[in-house]
Structure formats: structure tokens, C-alpha cells
């Protein structure tokens, strides 16, 4: 796999943490930093997908609320008996 070289500047505290991880794990700083970047990218991508799904669910809940409001108000028409379309019986 082709590699891309990046140069990064870390503050002293973070550089010390990387140095400690290198000593503890016996891996190179490049390997540890690359793994951290990969993990953070994966988290960011999953977060974006979750936010997109939440927005889709919110839009659908809003559509259902508008439908229930319109169906129950009648709007000059005979109102819909919401208990006929409700999933749960009246007595619950």
C-alpha cells in the first residue's frame, strides 16, 4: 500500500503521551499516531452517520405529528378516528 508522509507538530504534553505509549507498547511513534488518527476518523464517520439517521428519524416523527394533527382536526372534513389507525387498543 502506498504511504503518504505527513509532518505534525504536537504540544509537549501530547508528545509526552505519545512517547509514553511508545515505551509501553514497544511500537513506533508513527504506528501509534497513525492508529490514533485511523480510530478518530472511524469515530467521526460513525458520528456523521448517526447524526444523519437522527435527522431522518426527526423528519419522520415531524411528518407523523403533522398527519395526526391534520387527521384529528378534521379540517372541515370528518375527522379520522385515530383509534382505528392506532396500534394499541383504547383501554391501554
PDB file of N, CA and C in Angstrom:
ATOM      1  N   UNK A   1       0.849  -1.163   0.000  1.00  0.00           N
ATOM      2  CA  UNK A   1       0.000   0.000   0.000  1.00  0.00           C
ATOM      3  C   UNK A   1       0.903   1.237   0.000  1.00  0.00           C
ATOM      4  N   UNK A   2       0.609   2.183  -0.898  1.00  0.00           N
ATOM      5  CA  UNK A   2       1.427   3.402  -0.917  1.00  0.00           C
ATOM      6  C   UNK A   2       1.223   4.214   0.362  1.00  0.00           C
ATOM      7  N   UNK A   3       2.262   4.877   0.778  1.00  0.00           N
ATOM      8  CA  UNK A   3       2.203   5.657   2.008  1.00  0.00           C
ATOM      9  C   UNK A   3       2.327   7.141   1.707  1.00  0.00           C
ATOM     10  N   UNK A   4       1.692   7.954   2.523  1.00  0.00           N
ATOM     11  CA  UNK A   4       1.820   9.402   2.446  1.00  0.00           C
ATOM     12  C   UNK A   4       2.501   9.850   3.722  1.00  0.00           C
ATOM     13  N   UNK A   5       3.465  10.709   3.592  1.00  0.00           N
ATOM     14  CA  UNK A   5       4.188  11.211   4.753  1.00  0.00           C
ATOM     15  C   UNK A   5       3.607  12.557   5.149  1.00  0.00           C
ATOM     16  N   UNK A   6       3.296  12.679   6.439  1.00  0.00           N
ATOM     17  CA  UNK A   6       2.801  13.933   6.993  1.00  0.00           C
ATOM     18  C   UNK A   6       3.716  14.339   8.126  1.00  0.00           C
ATOM     19  N   UNK A   7       3.891  15.615   8.294  1.00  0.00           N
ATOM     20  CA  UNK A   7       4.649  16.132   9.424  1.00  0.00           C
ATOM     21  C   UNK A   7       3.667  16.840  10.333  1.00  0.00           C
ATOM     22  N   UNK A   8       3.675  16.471  11.611  1.00  0.00           N
ATOM     23  CA  UNK A   8       2.757  17.092  12.558  1.00  0.00           C
ATOM     24  C   UNK A   8       3.539  17.718  13.690  1.00  0.00           C
ATOM     25  N   UNK A   9       2.939  18.728  14.283  1.00  0.00           N
ATOM     26  CA  UNK A   9       3.526  19.386  15.443  1.00  0.00           C
ATOM     27  C   UNK A   9       2.603  19.127  16.619  1.00  0.00           C
ATOM     28  N   UNK A  10       3.153  18.595  17.693  1.00  0.00           N
ATOM     29  CA  UNK A  10       2.385  18.279  18.889  1.00  0.00           C
ATOM     30  C   UNK A  10       2.838  19.171  20.030  1.00  0.00           C
ATOM     31  N   UNK A  11       1.881  19.521  20.904  1.00  0.00           N
ATOM     32  CA  UNK A  11       2.322  20.248  22.094  1.00  0.00           C
ATOM     33  C   UNK A  11       3.087  19.268  22.985  1.00  0.00           C
ATOM     34  N   UNK A  12       3.833  19.807  23.916  1.00  0.00           N
ATOM     35  CA  UNK A  12       4.714  18.971  24.738  1.00  0.00           C
ATOM     36  C   UNK A  12       3.963  17.895  25.516  1.00  0.00           C
ATOM     37  N   UNK A  13       2.774  18.224  26.023  1.00  0.00           N
ATOM     38  CA  UNK A  13       2.014  17.257  26.820  1.00  0.00           C
ATOM     39  C   UNK A  13       1.594  16.057  25.961  1.00  0.00           C
ATOM     40  N   UNK A  14       1.120  16.331  24.764  1.00  0.00           N
ATOM     41  CA  UNK A  14       0.706  15.243  23.882  1.00  0.00           C
ATOM     42  C   UNK A  14       1.910  14.447  23.397  1.00  0.00           C
ATOM     43  N   UNK A  15       2.994  15.128  23.107  1.00  0.00           N
ATOM     44  CA  UNK A  15       4.212  14.432  22.687  1.00  0.00           C
ATOM     45  C   UNK A  15       4.708  13.500  23.793  1.00  0.00           C
ATOM     46  N   UNK A  16       4.574  13.934  25.042  1.00  0.00           N
ATOM     47  CA  UNK A  16       4.966  13.075  26.169  1.00  0.00           C
ATOM     48  C   UNK A  16       4.082  11.840  26.250  1.00  0.00           C
ATOM     49  N   UNK A  17       2.799  12.016  25.981  1.00  0.00           N
ATOM     50  CA  UNK A  17       1.882  10.868  25.997  1.00  0.00           C
ATOM     51  C   UNK A  17       2.220   9.884  24.881  1.00  0.00           C
ATOM     52  N   UNK A  18       2.573  10.412  23.714  1.00  0.00           N
ATOM     53  CA  UNK A  18       2.975   9.531  22.607  1.00  0.00           C
ATOM     54  C   UNK A  18       4.254   8.795  22.987  1.00  0.00           C
ATOM     55  N   UNK A  19       5.204   9.496  23.570  1.00  0.00           N
ATOM     56  CA  UNK A  19       6.461   8.878  23.993  1.00  0.00           C
ATOM     57  C   UNK A  19       6.207   7.778  25.024  1.00  0.00           C
ATOM     58  N   UNK A  20       5.299   8.031  25.969  1.00  0.00           N
ATOM     59  CA  UNK A  20       4.961   7.016  26.976  1.00  0.00           C
ATOM     60  C   UNK A  20       4.290   5.810  26.315  1.00  0.00           C
ATOM     61  N   UNK A  21       3.428   6.048  25.331  1.00  0.00           N
ATOM     62  CA  UNK A  21       2.769   4.945  24.624  1.00  0.00           C
ATOM     63  C   UNK A  21       3.787   4.122  23.844  1.00  0.00           C
ATOM     64  N   UNK A  22       4.753   4.785  23.247  1.00  0.00           N
ATOM     65  CA  UNK A  22       5.822   4.088  22.515  1.00  0.00           C
ATOM     66  C   UNK A  22       6.567   3.160  23.470  1.00  0.00           C
ATOM     67  N   UNK A  23       6.922   3.682  24.650  1.00  0.00           N
ATOM     68  CA  UNK A  23       7.662   2.881  25.628  1.00  0.00           C
ATOM     69  C   UNK A  23       6.822   1.714  26.140  1.00  0.00           C
ATOM     70  N   UNK A  24       5.532   1.970  26.373  1.00  0.00           N
ATOM     71  CA  UNK A  24       4.669   0.938  26.943  1.00  0.00           C
ATOM     72  C   UNK A  24       4.327  -0.157  25.936  1.00  0.00           C
ATOM     73  N   UNK A  25       4.146   0.224  24.683  1.00  0.00           N
ATOM     74  CA  UNK A  25       3.678  -0.742  23.689  1.00  0.00           C
ATOM     75  C   UNK A  25       4.791  -1.306  22.814  1.00  0.00           C
ATOM     76  N   UNK A  26       5.917  -0.677  22.850  1.00  0.00           N
ATOM     77  CA  UNK A  26       7.031  -1.157  22.038  1.00  0.00           C
ATOM     78  C   UNK A  26       6.802  -0.974  20.541  1.00  0.00           C
ATOM     79  N   UNK A  27       5.996   0.000  20.189  1.00  0.00           N
ATOM     80  CA  UNK A  27       5.734   0.302  18.773  1.00  0.00           C
ATOM     81  C   UNK A  27       6.337   1.653  18.452  1.00  0.00           C
ATOM     82  N   UNK A  28       6.441   1.936  17.183  1.00  0.00           N
ATOM     83  CA  UNK A  28       7.000   3.232  16.785  1.00  0.00           C
ATOM     84  C   UNK A  28       5.969   4.331  16.995  1.00  0.00           C
ATOM     85  N   UNK A  29       6.458   5.546  17.147  1.00  0.00           N
ATOM     86  CA  UNK A  29       5.564   6.696  17.289  1.00  0.00           C
ATOM     87  C   UNK A  29       4.688   6.826  16.048  1.00  0.00           C
ATOM     88  N   UNK A  30       5.247   6.567  14.871  1.00  0.00           N
ATOM     89  CA  UNK A  30       4.476   6.642  13.626  1.00  0.00           C
ATOM     90  C   UNK A  30       3.291   5.681  13.661  1.00  0.00           C
ATOM     91  N   UNK A  31       3.536   4.463  14.123  1.00  0.00           N
ATOM     92  CA  UNK A  31       2.481   3.449  14.177  1.00  0.00           C
ATOM     93  C   UNK A  31       1.385   3.848  15.151  1.00  0.00           C
ATOM     94  N   UNK A  32       1.778   4.343  16.310  1.00  0.00           N
ATOM     95  CA  UNK A  32       0.795   4.734  17.326  1.00  0.00           C
ATOM     96  C   UNK A  32      -0.024   5.929  16.860  1.00  0.00           C
ATOM     97  N   UNK A  33       0.627   6.940  16.328  1.00  0.00           N
ATOM     98  CA  UNK A  33      -0.086   8.132  15.859  1.00  0.00           C
ATOM     99  C   UNK A  33      -0.997   7.776  14.682  1.00  0.00           C
ATOM    100  N   UNK A  34      -0.543   6.949  13.767  1.00  0.00           N
ATOM    101  CA  UNK A  34      -1.377   6.536  12.628  1.00  0.00           C
ATOM    102  C   UNK A  34      -2.604   5.772  13.118  1.00  0.00           C
ATOM    103  N   UNK A  35      -2.433   4.902  14.113  1.00  0.00           N
ATOM    104  CA  UNK A  35      -3.565   4.158  14.666  1.00  0.00           C
ATOM    105  C   UNK A  35      -4.565   5.109  15.326  1.00  0.00           C
ATOM    106  N   UNK A  36      -4.064   6.101  16.036  1.00  0.00           N
ATOM    107  CA  UNK A  36      -4.948   7.085  16.672  1.00  0.00           C
ATOM    108  C   UNK A  36      -5.739   7.870  15.638  1.00  0.00           C
ATOM    109  N   UNK A  37      -5.083   8.289  14.583  1.00  0.00           N
ATOM    110  CA  UNK A  37      -5.765   9.022  13.514  1.00  0.00           C
ATOM    111  C   UNK A  37      -6.817   8.141  12.862  1.00  0.00           C
ATOM    112  N   UNK A  38      -6.470   6.887  12.595  1.00  0.00           N
ATOM    113  CA  UNK A  38      -7.417   5.957  11.985  1.00  0.00           C
ATOM    114  C   UNK A  38      -8.638   5.750  12.874  1.00  0.00           C
ATOM    115  N   UNK A  39      -8.417   5.558  14.171  1.00  0.00           N
ATOM    116  CA  UNK A  39      -9.528   5.353  15.100  1.00  0.00           C
ATOM    117  C   UNK A  39     -10.406   6.596  15.187  1.00  0.00           C
ATOM    118  N   UNK A  40      -9.788   7.763  15.251  1.00  0.00           N
ATOM    119  CA  UNK A  40     -10.556   9.006  15.359  1.00  0.00           C
ATOM    120  C   UNK A  40     -11.360   9.248  14.082  1.00  0.00           C
ATOM    121  N   UNK A  41     -10.794   8.932  12.935  1.00  0.00           N
ATOM    122  CA  UNK A  41     -11.518   9.076  11.673  1.00  0.00           C
ATOM    123  C   UNK A  41     -12.728   8.155  11.644  1.00  0.00           C
ATOM    124  N   UNK A  42     -12.566   6.931  12.104  1.00  0.00           N
ATOM    125  CA  UNK A  42     -13.679   5.971  12.162  1.00  0.00           C
ATOM    126  C   UNK A  42     -14.784   6.493  13.067  1.00  0.00           C
ATOM    127  N   UNK A  43     -14.425   7.033  14.224  1.00  0.00           N
ATOM    128  CA  UNK A  43     -15.411   7.590  15.153  1.00  0.00           C
ATOM    129  C   UNK A  43     -16.141   8.769  14.502  1.00  0.00           C
ATOM    130  N   UNK A  44     -15.401   9.632  13.830  1.00  0.00           N
ATOM    131  CA  UNK A  44     -16.010  10.801  13.185  1.00  0.00           C
ATOM    132  C   UNK A  44     -16.984  10.379  12.081  1.00  0.00           C
ATOM    133  N   UNK A  45     -16.617   9.367  11.310  1.00  0.00           N
ATOM    134  CA  UNK A  45     -17.500   8.888  10.244  1.00  0.00           C
ATOM    135  C   UNK A  45     -18.769   8.271  10.831  1.00  0.00           C
ATOM    136  N   UNK A  46     -18.618   7.470  11.867  1.00  0.00           N
ATOM    137  CA  UNK A  46     -19.795   6.864  12.509  1.00  0.00           C
ATOM    138  C   UNK A  46     -20.688   7.931  13.116  1.00  0.00           C
ATOM    139  N   UNK A  47     -20.091   8.942  13.707  1.00  0.00           N
ATOM    140  CA  UNK A  47     -20.866  10.034  14.293  1.00  0.00           C
ATOM    141  C   UNK A  47     -21.672  10.743  13.209  1.00  0.00           C
ATOM    142  N   UNK A  48     -21.056  10.994  12.070  1.00  0.00           N
ATOM    143  CA  UNK A  48     -21.763  11.662  10.970  1.00  0.00           C
ATOM    144  C   UNK A  48     -22.955  10.830  10.503  1.00  0.00           C
ATOM    145  N   UNK A  49     -22.781   9.519  10.412  1.00  0.00           N
ATOM    146  CA  UNK A  49     -23.878   8.631  10.002  1.00  0.00           C
ATOM    147  C   UNK A  49     -24.996   8.673  11.034  1.00  0.00           C
ATOM    148  N   UNK A  50     -24.647   8.636  12.319  1.00  0.00           N
ATOM    149  CA  UNK A  50     -25.661   8.685  13.372  1.00  0.00           C
ATOM    150  C   UNK A  50     -26.443   9.995  13.345  1.00  0.00           C
ATOM    151  N   UNK A  51     -25.760  11.099  13.137  1.00  0.00           N
ATOM    152  CA  UNK A  51     -26.434  12.395  13.064  1.00  0.00           C
ATOM    153  C   UNK A  51     -27.388  12.416  11.873  1.00  0.00           C
ATOM    154  N   UNK A  52     -26.950  11.894  10.748  1.00  0.00           N
ATOM    155  CA  UNK A  52     -27.804  11.837   9.556  1.00  0.00           C
ATOM    156  C   UNK A  52     -29.048  10.986   9.826  1.00  0.00           C
ATOM    157  N   UNK A  53     -28.871   9.850  10.479  1.00  0.00           N
ATOM    158  CA  UNK A  53     -30.010   8.981  10.798  1.00  0.00           C
ATOM    159  C   UNK A  53     -30.953   9.660  11.778  1.00  0.00           C
ATOM    160  N   UNK A  54     -30.412  10.373  12.770  1.00  0.00           N
ATOM    161  CA  UNK A  54     -31.252  11.079  13.728  1.00  0.00           C
ATOM    162  C   UNK A  54     -32.078  12.148  13.024  1.00  0.00           C
ATOM    163  N   UNK A  55     -31.477  12.849  12.073  1.00  0.00           N
ATOM    164  CA  UNK A  55     -32.205  13.874  11.327  1.00  0.00           C
ATOM    165  C   UNK A  55     -33.323  13.244  10.506  1.00  0.00           C
ATOM    166  N   UNK A  56     -33.079  12.066   9.934  1.00  0.00           N
ATOM    167  CA  UNK A  56     -34.103  11.354   9.176  1.00  0.00           C
ATOM    168  C   UNK A  56     -35.250  10.942  10.090  1.00  0.00           C
ATOM    169  N   UNK A  57     -34.921  10.408  11.265  1.00  0.00           N
ATOM    170  CA  UNK A  57     -35.954   9.999  12.226  1.00  0.00           C
ATOM    171  C   UNK A  57     -36.747  11.215  12.686  1.00  0.00           C
ATOM    172  N   UNK A  58     -36.065  12.313  12.993  1.00  0.00           N
ATOM    173  CA  UNK A  58     -36.754  13.536  13.414  1.00  0.00           C
ATOM    174  C   UNK A  58     -37.727  14.013  12.339  1.00  0.00           C
ATOM    175  N   UNK A  59     -37.312  13.961  11.085  1.00  0.00           N
ATOM    176  CA  UNK A  59     -38.186  14.384   9.981  1.00  0.00           C
ATOM    177  C   UNK A  59     -39.414  13.489   9.888  1.00  0.00           C
ATOM    178  N   UNK A  60     -39.228  12.188  10.096  1.00  0.00           N
ATOM    179  CA  UNK A  60     -40.359  11.267  10.033  1.00  0.00           C
ATOM    180  C   UNK A  60     -41.303  11.466  11.218  1.00  0.00           C
ATOM    181  N   UNK A  61     -40.765  11.720  12.389  1.00  0.00           N
ATOM    182  CA  UNK A  61     -41.612  11.998  13.553  1.00  0.00           C
ATOM    183  C   UNK A  61     -42.418  13.267  13.312  1.00  0.00           C
ATOM    184  N   UNK A  62     -41.788  14.274  12.733  1.00  0.00           N
ATOM    185  CA  UNK A  62     -42.483  15.516  12.413  1.00  0.00           C
ATOM    186  C   UNK A  62     -43.609  15.256  11.406  1.00  0.00           C
ATOM    187  N   UNK A  63     -43.345  14.426  10.403  1.00  0.00           N
ATOM    188  CA  UNK A  63     -44.377  14.097   9.410  1.00  0.00           C
ATOM    189  C   UNK A  63     -45.546  13.371  10.065  1.00  0.00           C
ATOM    190  N   UNK A  64     -45.256  12.455  10.971  1.00  0.00           N
ATOM    191  CA  UNK A  64     -46.322  11.732  11.677  1.00  0.00           C
ATOM    192  C   UNK A  64     -47.139  12.705  12.532  1.00  0.00           C
ATOM    193  N   UNK A  65     -46.471  13.606  13.227  1.00  0.00           N
ATOM    194  CA  UNK A  65     -47.168  14.583  14.067  1.00  0.00           C
ATOM    195  C   UNK A  65     -48.082  15.466  13.217  1.00  0.00           C
ATOM    196  N   UNK A  66     -47.602  15.906  12.058  1.00  0.00           N
ATOM    197  CA  UNK A  66     -48.445  16.719  11.159  1.00  0.00           C
ATOM    198  C   UNK A  66     -49.646  15.921  10.677  1.00  0.00           C
ATOM    199  N   UNK A  67     -49.426  14.634  10.354  1.00  0.00           N
ATOM    200  CA  UNK A  67     -50.525  13.780   9.904  1.00  0.00           C
ATOM    201  C   UNK A  67     -51.571  13.631  11.005  1.00  0.00           C
ATOM    202  N   UNK A  68     -51.122  13.343  12.225  1.00  0.00           N
ATOM    203  CA  UNK A  68     -52.053  13.162  13.343  1.00  0.00           C
ATOM    204  C   UNK A  68     -52.823  14.453  13.596  1.00  0.00           C
ATOM    205  N   UNK A  69     -52.133  15.576  13.550  1.00  0.00           N
ATOM    206  CA  UNK A  69     -52.798  16.863  13.762  1.00  0.00           C
ATOM    207  C   UNK A  69     -53.864  17.095  12.696  1.00  0.00           C
ATOM    208  N   UNK A  70     -53.491  16.885  11.448  1.00  0.00           N
ATOM    209  CA  UNK A  70     -54.438  17.098  10.349  1.00  0.00           C
ATOM    210  C   UNK A  70     -55.592  16.092  10.415  1.00  0.00           C
ATOM    211  N   UNK A  71     -55.273  14.837  10.703  1.00  0.00           N
ATOM    212  CA  UNK A  71     -56.305  13.796  10.733  1.00  0.00           C
ATOM    213  C   UNK A  71     -57.267  14.006  11.888  1.00  0.00           C
ATOM    214  N   UNK A  72     -56.773  14.494  13.019  1.00  0.00           N
ATOM    215  CA  UNK A  72     -57.638  14.649  14.183  1.00  0.00           C
ATOM    216  C   UNK A  72     -58.415  15.956  14.168  1.00  0.00           C
ATOM    217  N   UNK A  73     -57.951  16.940  13.414  1.00  0.00           N
ATOM    218  CA  UNK A  73     -58.655  18.223  13.391  1.00  0.00           C
ATOM    219  C   UNK A  73     -59.845  18.195  12.448  1.00  0.00           C
ATOM    220  N   UNK A  74     -59.811  17.327  11.478  1.00  0.00           N
ATOM    221  CA  UNK A  74     -60.911  17.234  10.523  1.00  0.00           C
ATOM    222  C   UNK A  74     -60.748  18.210   9.373  1.00  0.00           C
ATOM    223  N   UNK A  75     -60.324  19.423   9.653  1.00  0.00           N
ATOM    224  CA  UNK A  75     -60.123  20.403   8.587  1.00  0.00           C
ATOM    225  C   UNK A  75     -61.361  20.594   7.726  1.00  0.00           C
ATOM    226  N   UNK A  76     -62.552  20.598   8.346  1.00  0.00           N
ATOM    227  CA  UNK A  76     -63.782  20.746   7.575  1.00  0.00           C
ATOM    228  C   UNK A  76     -64.325  19.418   7.085  1.00  0.00           C
ATOM    229  N   UNK A  77     -63.544  18.377   7.209  1.00  0.00           N
ATOM    230  CA  UNK A  77     -63.971  17.039   6.822  1.00  0.00           C
ATOM    231  C   UNK A  77     -64.270  16.240   8.081  1.00  0.00           C
ATOM    232  N   UNK A  78     -64.789  15.056   7.910  1.00  0.00           N
ATOM    233  CA  UNK A  78     -64.999  14.191   9.062  1.00  0.00           C
ATOM    234  C   UNK A  78     -63.637  13.798   9.615  1.00  0.00           C
ATOM    235  N   UNK A  79     -63.405  14.041  10.912  1.00  0.00           N
ATOM    236  CA  UNK A  79     -62.102  13.661  11.473  1.00  0.00           C
ATOM    237  C   UNK A  79     -61.931  12.142  11.459  1.00  0.00           C
ATOM    238  N   UNK A  80     -60.684  11.762  11.364  1.00  0.00           N
ATOM    239  CA  UNK A  80     -60.339  10.340  11.353  1.00  0.00           C
ATOM    240  C   UNK A  80     -60.381   9.826  12.783  1.00  0.00           C
ATOM    241  N   UNK A  81     -60.947   8.641  12.976  1.00  0.00           N
ATOM    242  CA  UNK A  81     -60.914   8.000  14.288  1.00  0.00           C
ATOM    243  C   UNK A  81     -59.507   7.442  14.479  1.00  0.00           C
ATOM    244  N   UNK A  82     -58.700   8.155  15.253  1.00  0.00           N
ATOM    245  CA  UNK A  82     -57.294   7.777  15.401  1.00  0.00           C
ATOM    246  C   UNK A  82     -57.131   6.417  16.060  1.00  0.00           C
ATOM    247  N   UNK A  83     -58.111   5.989  16.847  1.00  0.00           N
ATOM    248  CA  UNK A  83     -58.015   4.678  17.472  1.00  0.00           C
ATOM    249  C   UNK A  83     -58.101   3.556  16.441  1.00  0.00           C
ATOM    250  N   UNK A  84     -58.663   3.855  15.262  1.00  0.00           N
ATOM    251  CA  UNK A  84     -58.731   2.832  14.209  1.00  0.00           C
ATOM    252  C   UNK A  84     -57.367   2.638  13.560  1.00  0.00           C
ATOM    253  N   UNK A  85     -56.528   3.662  13.597  1.00  0.00           N
ATOM    254  CA  UNK A  85     -55.203   3.512  12.987  1.00  0.00           C
ATOM    255  C   UNK A  85     -54.106   3.331  14.029  1.00  0.00           C
ATOM    256  N   UNK A  86     -54.496   3.476  15.307  1.00  0.00           N
ATOM    257  CA  UNK A  86     -53.523   3.329  16.389  1.00  0.00           C
ATOM    258  C   UNK A  86     -53.200   1.862  16.589  1.00  0.00           C
ATOM    259  N   UNK A  87     -52.000   1.601  16.899  1.00  0.00           N
ATOM    260  CA  UNK A  87     -51.526   0.233  17.087  1.00  0.00           C
ATOM    261  C   UNK A  87     -51.986  -0.368  18.407  1.00  0.00           C
ATOM    262  N   UNK A  88     -52.299   0.475  19.385  1.00  0.00           N
ATOM    263  CA  UNK A  88     -52.649  -0.009  20.719  1.00  0.00           C
ATOM    264  C   UNK A  88     -54.143   0.178  20.972  1.00  0.00           C
ATOM    265  N   UNK A  89     -54.758  -0.761  21.674  1.00  0.00           N
ATOM    266  CA  UNK A  89     -56.184  -0.631  21.985  1.00  0.00           C
ATOM    267  C   UNK A  89     -56.469   0.559  22.905  1.00  0.00           C
ATOM    268  N   UNK A  90     -57.718   1.026  22.888  1.00  0.00           N
ATOM    269  CA  UNK A  90     -58.126   2.181  23.699  1.00  0.00           C
ATOM    270  C   UNK A  90     -57.881   1.990  25.183  1.00  0.00           C
ATOM    271  N   UNK A  91     -58.094   0.788  25.682  1.00  0.00           N
ATOM    272  CA  UNK A  91     -58.041   0.570  27.124  1.00  0.00           C
ATOM    273  C   UNK A  91     -56.636   0.582  27.699  1.00  0.00           C
ATOM    274  N   UNK A  92     -55.609   0.769  26.919  1.00  0.00           N
ATOM    275  CA  UNK A  92     -54.242   0.777  27.458  1.00  0.00           C
ATOM    276  C   UNK A  92     -53.803   2.152  27.803  1.00  0.00           C
TER     277      UNK A  92
END
